[in-house]
């Protein structure tokens, strides 16, 4: 069967491919320390699971409105009011099968051939491919570690054109964990206010896995004049350990929300009714789970960053949120493995970790960050400690290449 041209523009998700490779190796009997997983290692809170059971027992197993149940939309509205002081009417909320689906539908609803989407790098692996799949052109803007892995007003200004349709802001970000401050968002907003044809797609899925003293800021609240141009996406996957429940949401201009709902009506019809009941309970119920897990993540972050910092060839910036470290391995590139193989790039380095020490990470080039690799610390402290020890061993085995004659 001939496939469509759009399919040839996109690649399988590198993170999904890495997870599949780990499963294959484990099936061969190997013990792999897996630091690739982008989901919490905690179970969904009991009161959330109980809400799903009650929904099933009450027969809430039918189709729901395309844009989600009224209970869930009310819960989303309440969460945004509580966290950011935003008053969001029902017409500006849509619910989908995960934040990833909501982002994809937003791009599908707005992009025509040649439209440009500014994607700061490092980026979540799916952004460029989702843009390409919907006939857009991803415009990758390098945001170096020296600038906090964040888009600056100067870099934004240089990337904007008449064809720019969206700017993507993932904060806190995957894979860096970097987050924009209120002042940084305000500075970007000043640039955007001068370009009224540009929308901002904010991916805030990690906003509550956050290590600051105050809540992570949101552009929609920082600059109300952009209210009709910001499409805020979020969900329950990361905060409440509900990745498999597949519930995400988007909040933005009513006409865009209507367009997304139209697309969803012709694709998945609606999100899962039972998952929506669980998501409403997560957003409105006790939040102790969030606070407790963030304390655990913080301890893991601090310990893992310290252990990585002790390895001569490696370094990392301590993240503001999320559960990832983006580790700089440039000092290892060009060195030789014990069998004489030269480490040419970050993908070779990640392969060396897997082959020599059975530690699985994801190479940075997959995220637009060559010379880096990503560690997920959404796993036990014991696993992290052992894995970091093995990474140190793998680095110690490397030797400098002899200079060319």
Protein backbone atom coordinates (compact mmCIF):
# COMPACT_ATOMS: atom_id res chain seq x y z
CA UNK A 1 0.00 0.00 0.00
CA UNK A 2 1.41 3.37 -1.01
CA UNK A 3 1.76 5.73 1.93
CA UNK A 4 1.14 9.46 1.83
CA UNK A 5 3.93 11.94 1.21
CA UNK A 6 3.42 13.49 4.67
CA UNK A 7 4.45 10.23 6.29
CA UNK A 8 7.87 10.44 4.63
CA UNK A 9 8.46 13.79 6.34
CA UNK A 10 8.31 12.39 9.86
CA UNK A 11 10.32 9.91 11.90
CA UNK A 12 9.28 7.49 14.64
CA UNK A 13 9.67 9.02 18.11
CA UNK A 14 13.28 8.47 19.32
CA UNK A 15 12.09 8.13 22.90
CA UNK A 16 9.59 5.44 21.88
CA UNK A 17 12.31 3.69 19.87
CA UNK A 18 14.69 3.78 22.84
CA UNK A 19 12.05 2.30 25.14
CA UNK A 20 11.38 -0.46 22.62
CA UNK A 21 15.11 -1.25 22.40
CA UNK A 22 15.25 -1.56 26.19
CA UNK A 23 12.29 -3.97 26.13
CA UNK A 24 14.03 -6.09 23.48
CA UNK A 25 17.25 -6.29 25.49
CA UNK A 26 15.38 -7.17 28.66
CA UNK A 27 13.54 -9.94 26.78
CA UNK A 28 16.98 -11.40 25.98
CA UNK A 29 17.67 -11.73 29.70
CA UNK A 30 19.88 -8.65 30.06
CA UNK A 31 19.54 -6.42 33.11
CA UNK A 32 19.18 -2.91 31.73
CA UNK A 33 19.15 0.21 33.89
CA UNK A 34 16.58 2.22 31.99
CA UNK A 35 16.89 6.01 32.23
CA UNK A 36 14.82 6.68 29.09
CA UNK A 37 11.32 6.56 30.51
CA UNK A 38 9.37 9.82 30.34
CA UNK A 39 6.69 8.93 32.84
CA UNK A 40 6.39 8.91 36.64
CA UNK A 41 7.35 5.69 38.37
CA UNK A 42 4.57 6.24 40.94
CA UNK A 43 1.12 4.68 40.81
CA UNK A 44 -1.96 6.79 40.12
CA UNK A 45 -3.37 8.12 43.44
CA UNK A 46 -5.97 5.85 45.07
CA UNK A 47 -8.74 8.48 45.13
CA UNK A 48 -8.33 8.94 41.38
CA UNK A 49 -8.60 5.21 40.71
CA UNK A 50 -11.63 5.07 43.00
CA UNK A 51 -13.33 7.82 40.97
CA UNK A 52 -12.83 5.76 37.81
CA UNK A 53 -14.32 2.68 39.48
CA UNK A 54 -17.34 4.69 40.62
CA UNK A 55 -17.82 5.98 37.08
CA UNK A 56 -17.77 2.45 35.71
CA UNK A 57 -20.21 1.20 38.34
CA UNK A 58 -22.52 4.16 37.63
CA UNK A 59 -22.60 3.31 33.94
CA UNK A 60 -20.62 6.37 32.85
CA UNK A 61 -19.19 4.37 29.95
CA UNK A 62 -20.85 6.05 26.96
CA UNK A 63 -19.80 8.76 24.54
CA UNK A 64 -19.22 12.15 26.11
CA UNK A 65 -19.34 15.57 24.47
CA UNK A 66 -16.54 15.98 21.93
CA UNK A 67 -14.82 18.59 24.09
CA UNK A 68 -15.09 16.60 27.32
CA UNK A 69 -17.57 16.29 30.16
CA UNK A 70 -18.85 19.41 31.86
CA UNK A 71 -17.38 18.13 35.15
CA UNK A 72 -13.89 17.88 33.71
CA UNK A 73 -14.08 21.23 31.95
CA UNK A 74 -15.20 22.80 35.24
CA UNK A 75 -12.26 21.12 37.00
CA UNK A 76 -9.83 22.51 34.39
CA UNK A 77 -11.31 25.98 34.74
CA UNK A 78 -10.98 25.77 38.52
CA UNK A 79 -7.35 24.62 38.29
CA UNK A 80 -6.42 27.55 36.03
CA UNK A 81 -8.20 29.99 38.32
CA UNK A 82 -6.40 28.61 41.37
CA UNK A 83 -2.91 28.43 39.84
CA UNK A 84 -2.83 31.43 37.54
CA UNK A 85 -5.84 33.60 38.31
CA UNK A 86 -7.23 32.92 34.83
CA UNK A 87 -10.99 33.05 34.25
CA UNK A 88 -11.66 30.70 31.36
CA UNK A 89 -15.16 30.27 29.90
CA UNK A 90 -16.30 26.85 28.76
CA UNK A 91 -16.05 27.81 25.09
CA UNK A 92 -12.27 28.16 25.39
CA UNK A 93 -11.59 24.65 26.79
CA UNK A 94 -11.12 21.43 24.84
CA UNK A 95 -10.23 17.97 26.13
CA UNK A 96 -8.44 15.26 24.15
CA UNK A 97 -6.70 11.93 24.38
CA UNK A 98 -3.55 13.34 25.96
CA UNK A 99 -1.82 16.70 25.55
CA UNK A 100 0.04 15.27 22.53
CA UNK A 101 -3.23 14.77 20.64
CA UNK A 102 -4.44 18.25 21.57
CA UNK A 103 -1.21 19.82 20.25
CA UNK A 104 -1.40 17.80 17.04
CA UNK A 105 -5.00 18.84 16.42
CA UNK A 106 -4.16 22.49 17.10
CA UNK A 107 -1.45 22.33 14.44
CA UNK A 108 -3.74 20.47 12.05
CA UNK A 109 -6.41 23.13 12.53
CA UNK A 110 -4.11 26.09 11.82
CA UNK A 111 -1.25 25.19 9.48
CA UNK A 112 -1.20 25.46 5.71
CA UNK A 113 1.68 24.51 3.46
CA UNK A 114 4.64 26.78 4.08
CA UNK A 115 3.46 28.13 7.41
CA UNK A 116 6.33 28.31 9.90
CA UNK A 117 6.46 27.21 13.52
CA UNK A 118 9.34 28.40 15.71
CA UNK A 119 10.62 25.52 17.83
CA UNK A 120 13.33 26.40 20.39
CA UNK A 121 16.02 23.72 20.69
CA UNK A 122 16.48 21.61 22.74
CA UNK A 123 12.90 20.51 22.07
CA UNK A 124 10.54 17.66 22.82
CA UNK A 125 11.11 15.16 20.03
CA UNK A 126 7.57 15.35 18.63
CA UNK A 127 7.26 19.08 17.90
CA UNK A 128 9.13 19.25 14.56
CA UNK A 129 7.53 16.09 13.23
CA UNK A 130 4.02 17.16 14.20
CA UNK A 131 4.60 20.45 12.37
CA UNK A 132 5.89 18.64 9.28
CA UNK A 133 3.04 16.14 9.33
CA UNK A 134 0.60 19.05 9.12
CA UNK A 135 2.32 20.72 6.13
CA UNK A 136 4.15 23.31 8.23
CA UNK A 137 7.83 24.15 8.33
CA UNK A 138 9.59 23.79 11.70
CA UNK A 139 12.03 26.65 12.27
CA UNK A 140 14.55 25.39 14.81
CA UNK A 141 16.13 28.09 16.97
CA UNK A 142 19.19 27.01 18.93
CA UNK A 143 19.04 28.01 22.61
CA UNK A 144 22.42 27.19 24.13
CA UNK A 145 23.06 26.05 27.68
CA UNK A 146 24.86 29.33 28.40
CA UNK A 147 21.47 31.04 27.95
CA UNK A 148 19.63 28.53 30.10
CA UNK A 149 18.36 26.53 27.11
CA UNK A 150 15.72 29.27 26.72
CA UNK A 151 14.51 31.41 23.85
CA UNK A 152 15.63 35.03 24.15
CA UNK A 153 13.83 38.06 22.71
CA UNK A 154 16.75 38.58 20.32
CA UNK A 155 16.64 35.04 18.98
CA UNK A 156 12.85 35.17 18.70
CA UNK A 157 12.96 38.43 16.77
CA UNK A 158 15.54 37.04 14.34
CA UNK A 159 13.42 33.94 13.64
CA UNK A 160 10.09 35.69 13.04
CA UNK A 161 8.85 36.10 9.45
CA UNK A 162 5.57 36.87 7.72
CA UNK A 163 5.00 33.10 7.50
CA UNK A 164 5.40 32.46 11.23
CA UNK A 165 2.18 30.96 12.55
CA UNK A 166 3.22 29.70 15.98
CA UNK A 167 5.96 29.88 18.57
CA UNK A 168 6.24 26.82 20.80
CA UNK A 169 7.11 27.39 24.46
CA UNK A 170 7.55 24.25 26.54
CA UNK A 171 8.04 25.34 30.14
CA UNK A 172 9.30 23.56 32.20
CA UNK A 173 10.86 21.88 29.21
CA UNK A 174 11.60 18.38 28.05
CA UNK A 175 14.50 17.48 27.87
CA UNK A 176 16.13 20.34 29.79
CA UNK A 177 13.83 21.04 32.74
CA UNK A 178 14.45 24.75 32.10
CA UNK A 179 11.56 27.13 32.81
CA UNK A 180 10.93 30.74 31.92
CA UNK A 181 10.65 33.27 34.71
CA UNK A 182 7.89 35.87 34.77
CA UNK A 183 10.34 38.53 33.57
CA UNK A 184 11.56 36.31 30.72
CA UNK A 185 7.99 35.62 29.59
CA UNK A 186 7.19 39.32 29.78
CA UNK A 187 10.19 40.11 27.57
CA UNK A 188 9.12 37.55 24.97
CA UNK A 189 5.58 38.92 25.13
CA UNK A 190 6.84 42.39 24.21
CA UNK A 191 8.25 40.96 20.98
CA UNK A 192 5.08 39.01 20.24
CA UNK A 193 2.79 41.98 20.81
CA UNK A 194 4.47 43.63 17.81
CA UNK A 195 3.64 40.61 15.61
CA UNK A 196 -0.13 40.07 15.85
CA UNK A 197 -0.16 37.28 13.24
CA UNK A 198 1.82 34.95 15.55
CA UNK A 199 0.26 32.58 18.07
CA UNK A 200 1.99 30.95 21.04
CA UNK A 201 1.52 27.28 21.82
CA UNK A 202 2.50 26.79 25.46
CA UNK A 203 3.10 23.21 26.57
CA UNK A 204 2.89 23.24 30.37
CA UNK A 205 2.58 19.51 31.02
CA UNK A 206 5.37 19.60 33.67
CA UNK A 207 4.20 22.79 35.40
CA UNK A 208 3.47 21.14 38.76
CA UNK A 209 6.63 19.04 38.84
CA UNK A 210 8.32 22.22 39.86
CA UNK A 211 11.12 23.08 42.29
CA UNK A 212 10.61 26.82 42.72
CA UNK A 213 9.09 28.49 45.76
CA UNK A 214 6.16 29.92 43.79
CA UNK A 215 4.04 28.34 41.06
CA UNK A 216 5.59 28.15 37.61
CA UNK A 217 4.39 31.21 35.64
CA UNK A 218 2.22 30.91 32.54
CA UNK A 219 2.39 33.29 29.57
CA UNK A 220 -1.41 33.51 29.42
CA UNK A 221 -1.43 35.02 32.91
CA UNK A 222 1.76 37.07 32.58
CA UNK A 223 0.51 39.00 29.53
CA UNK A 224 -3.32 39.18 29.29
CA UNK A 225 -3.05 41.10 26.00
CA UNK A 226 -1.97 37.83 24.37
CA UNK A 227 -5.06 35.98 25.63
CA UNK A 228 -6.50 35.54 22.13
CA UNK A 229 -3.19 34.29 20.75
CA UNK A 230 -2.05 31.82 23.41
CA UNK A 231 -3.08 28.18 23.26
CA UNK A 232 -2.20 26.64 26.64
CA UNK A 233 -1.88 22.85 26.72
CA UNK A 234 -1.58 20.63 29.77
CA UNK A 235 -2.89 17.36 31.15
CA UNK A 236 -2.87 14.93 34.03
CA UNK A 237 -0.23 12.49 32.75
CA UNK A 238 2.88 13.75 34.52
CA UNK A 239 1.54 15.54 37.59
CA UNK A 240 -0.76 12.73 38.71
CA UNK A 241 1.06 9.69 37.25
CA UNK A 242 -1.75 9.10 34.75
CA UNK A 243 0.17 8.60 31.49
CA UNK A 244 -1.93 5.62 30.43
CA UNK A 245 -5.25 7.32 31.12
CA UNK A 246 -4.66 9.62 28.10
CA UNK A 247 -6.29 12.89 29.11
CA UNK A 248 -4.94 16.27 28.08
CA UNK A 249 -6.54 19.64 27.53
CA UNK A 250 -6.13 22.88 25.66
CA UNK A 251 -7.26 26.40 26.54
CA UNK A 252 -7.31 29.20 24.01
CA UNK A 253 -9.31 31.26 21.52
CA UNK A 254 -12.88 30.02 21.10
CA UNK A 255 -12.60 29.74 17.30
CA UNK A 256 -9.50 27.55 17.59
CA UNK A 257 -11.15 25.39 20.24
CA UNK A 258 -14.18 24.97 17.95
CA UNK A 259 -11.93 23.91 15.08
CA UNK A 260 -10.13 21.37 17.28
CA UNK A 261 -13.46 19.99 18.45
CA UNK A 262 -14.55 19.59 14.82
CA UNK A 263 -11.41 17.60 14.04
CA UNK A 264 -11.81 15.47 17.13
CA UNK A 265 -15.42 14.73 16.21
CA UNK A 266 -14.13 13.15 12.99
CA UNK A 267 -11.19 11.29 14.52
CA UNK A 268 -11.63 9.91 18.04
CA UNK A 269 -15.15 11.31 18.70
CA UNK A 270 -14.32 12.06 22.33
CA UNK A 271 -11.88 11.15 25.11
CA UNK A 272 -12.52 8.13 27.33
CA UNK A 273 -15.45 8.75 29.67
CA UNK A 274 -13.89 6.80 32.53
CA UNK A 275 -10.55 8.56 32.17
CA UNK A 276 -12.31 11.91 32.24
CA UNK A 277 -13.98 11.04 35.55
CA UNK A 278 -10.57 10.11 36.95
CA UNK A 279 -8.98 13.32 35.63
CA UNK A 280 -11.68 15.48 37.22
CA UNK A 281 -11.01 13.77 40.55
CA UNK A 282 -7.27 14.36 40.15
CA UNK A 283 -7.68 18.08 39.48
CA UNK A 284 -10.23 18.75 42.22
CA UNK A 285 -9.21 16.24 44.90
CA UNK A 286 -6.42 16.19 47.50
CA UNK A 287 -3.08 17.42 46.17
CA UNK A 288 -0.86 15.71 48.74
CA UNK A 289 0.31 13.26 46.07
CA UNK A 290 1.74 16.10 43.99
CA UNK A 291 3.61 17.63 46.90
CA UNK A 292 4.95 14.27 48.07
CA UNK A 293 6.20 13.17 44.66
CA UNK A 294 7.84 16.53 43.94
CA UNK A 295 9.83 16.17 47.18
CA UNK A 296 11.03 12.76 45.97
CA UNK A 297 11.88 14.09 42.50
CA UNK A 298 13.80 16.99 44.02
CA UNK A 299 15.96 14.64 46.11
CA UNK A 300 16.60 12.44 43.07
CA UNK A 301 17.44 15.47 40.95
CA UNK A 302 19.96 16.78 43.44
CA UNK A 303 21.67 13.43 43.98
CA UNK A 304 21.79 12.54 40.27
CA UNK A 305 23.14 15.96 39.29
CA UNK A 306 25.87 15.62 41.93
CA UNK A 307 26.88 12.16 40.74
CA UNK A 308 26.98 13.27 37.11
CA UNK A 309 28.98 16.35 38.07
CA UNK A 310 31.62 14.10 39.63
CA UNK A 311 32.38 12.47 36.23
CA UNK A 312 35.22 14.39 34.53
CA UNK A 313 33.81 14.27 30.99
CA UNK A 314 30.24 15.20 31.98
CA UNK A 315 28.32 18.19 33.31
CA UNK A 316 24.71 19.33 33.58
CA UNK A 317 22.57 22.30 34.47
CA UNK A 318 20.25 21.56 37.41
CA UNK A 319 16.66 21.71 36.09
CA UNK A 320 13.91 24.00 37.37
CA UNK A 321 11.16 21.42 36.84
CA UNK A 322 10.27 18.10 35.25
CA UNK A 323 12.22 14.92 35.86
CA UNK A 324 15.03 15.05 33.32
CA UNK A 325 18.70 15.99 33.23
CA UNK A 326 20.24 17.02 29.91
CA UNK A 327 23.87 16.00 30.32
CA UNK A 328 26.73 17.57 28.37
CA UNK A 329 29.02 14.81 27.08
CA UNK A 330 31.05 16.84 24.56
CA UNK A 331 34.30 16.15 26.39
CA UNK A 332 33.81 12.43 25.72
CA UNK A 333 33.34 12.88 21.98
CA UNK A 334 36.50 12.00 20.09
CA UNK A 335 37.68 9.56 22.76
CA UNK A 336 38.15 5.83 22.23
CA UNK A 337 36.30 2.90 23.79
CA UNK A 338 38.34 -0.08 25.12
CA UNK A 339 38.00 -1.85 21.74
CA UNK A 340 39.36 1.18 19.91
CA UNK A 341 36.07 2.53 18.60
CA UNK A 342 36.00 6.31 18.37
CA UNK A 343 33.07 8.15 19.97
CA UNK A 344 32.03 10.36 17.04
CA UNK A 345 28.88 11.91 18.50
CA UNK A 346 26.31 11.76 21.30
CA UNK A 347 24.55 8.80 19.70
CA UNK A 348 27.80 6.82 19.81
CA UNK A 349 28.23 7.81 23.45
CA UNK A 350 24.72 6.61 24.34
CA UNK A 351 25.43 3.36 22.51
CA UNK A 352 28.67 2.95 24.49
CA UNK A 353 26.74 3.31 27.77
CA UNK A 354 24.26 0.67 26.67
CA UNK A 355 26.77 -1.79 25.23
CA UNK A 356 29.42 -1.54 27.94
CA UNK A 357 27.38 -0.90 31.07
CA UNK A 358 23.76 -1.72 30.15
CA UNK A 359 22.60 1.83 30.94
CA UNK A 360 19.96 3.17 28.55
CA UNK A 361 19.75 6.92 27.89
CA UNK A 362 18.53 8.96 24.90
CA UNK A 363 21.05 10.80 22.75
CA UNK A 364 20.70 14.56 22.62
CA UNK A 365 20.54 14.93 18.84
CA UNK A 366 17.03 13.48 19.04
CA UNK A 367 16.11 16.66 20.94
CA UNK A 368 18.05 19.07 18.76
CA UNK A 369 20.90 19.04 21.31
CA UNK A 370 23.97 17.38 19.78
CA UNK A 371 26.69 16.69 22.32
CA UNK A 372 24.22 15.88 25.11
CA UNK A 373 22.14 12.97 26.37
CA UNK A 374 18.98 12.83 28.44
CA UNK A 375 18.54 11.05 31.75
CA UNK A 376 15.12 10.54 33.29
CA UNK A 377 15.18 10.49 37.09
CA UNK A 378 11.62 9.19 37.25
CA UNK A 379 12.95 5.96 38.70
CA UNK A 380 14.22 4.79 42.09
CA UNK A 381 17.20 6.32 43.83
CA UNK A 382 18.85 2.89 43.91
CA UNK A 383 18.59 2.58 40.13
CA UNK A 384 19.86 6.14 39.63
CA UNK A 385 22.82 5.61 41.96
CA UNK A 386 23.80 2.35 40.28
CA UNK A 387 23.32 3.80 36.81
CA UNK A 388 25.44 6.85 37.56
CA UNK A 389 28.17 4.58 38.90
CA UNK A 390 28.09 2.60 35.68
CA UNK A 391 28.15 5.80 33.60
CA UNK A 392 31.25 6.88 35.54
CA UNK A 393 32.84 3.50 34.79
CA UNK A 394 32.00 3.80 31.09
CA UNK A 395 33.62 7.23 30.99
CA UNK A 396 36.69 6.05 32.89
CA UNK A 397 37.21 3.35 30.24
CA UNK A 398 37.54 5.97 27.50
CA UNK A 399 40.98 7.08 26.37
CA UNK A 400 42.16 10.00 24.32
CA UNK A 401 42.66 9.35 20.62
CA UNK A 402 46.21 9.61 19.36
CA UNK A 403 46.85 12.81 17.41
CA UNK A 404 46.89 12.47 13.65
CA UNK A 405 50.34 12.10 12.12
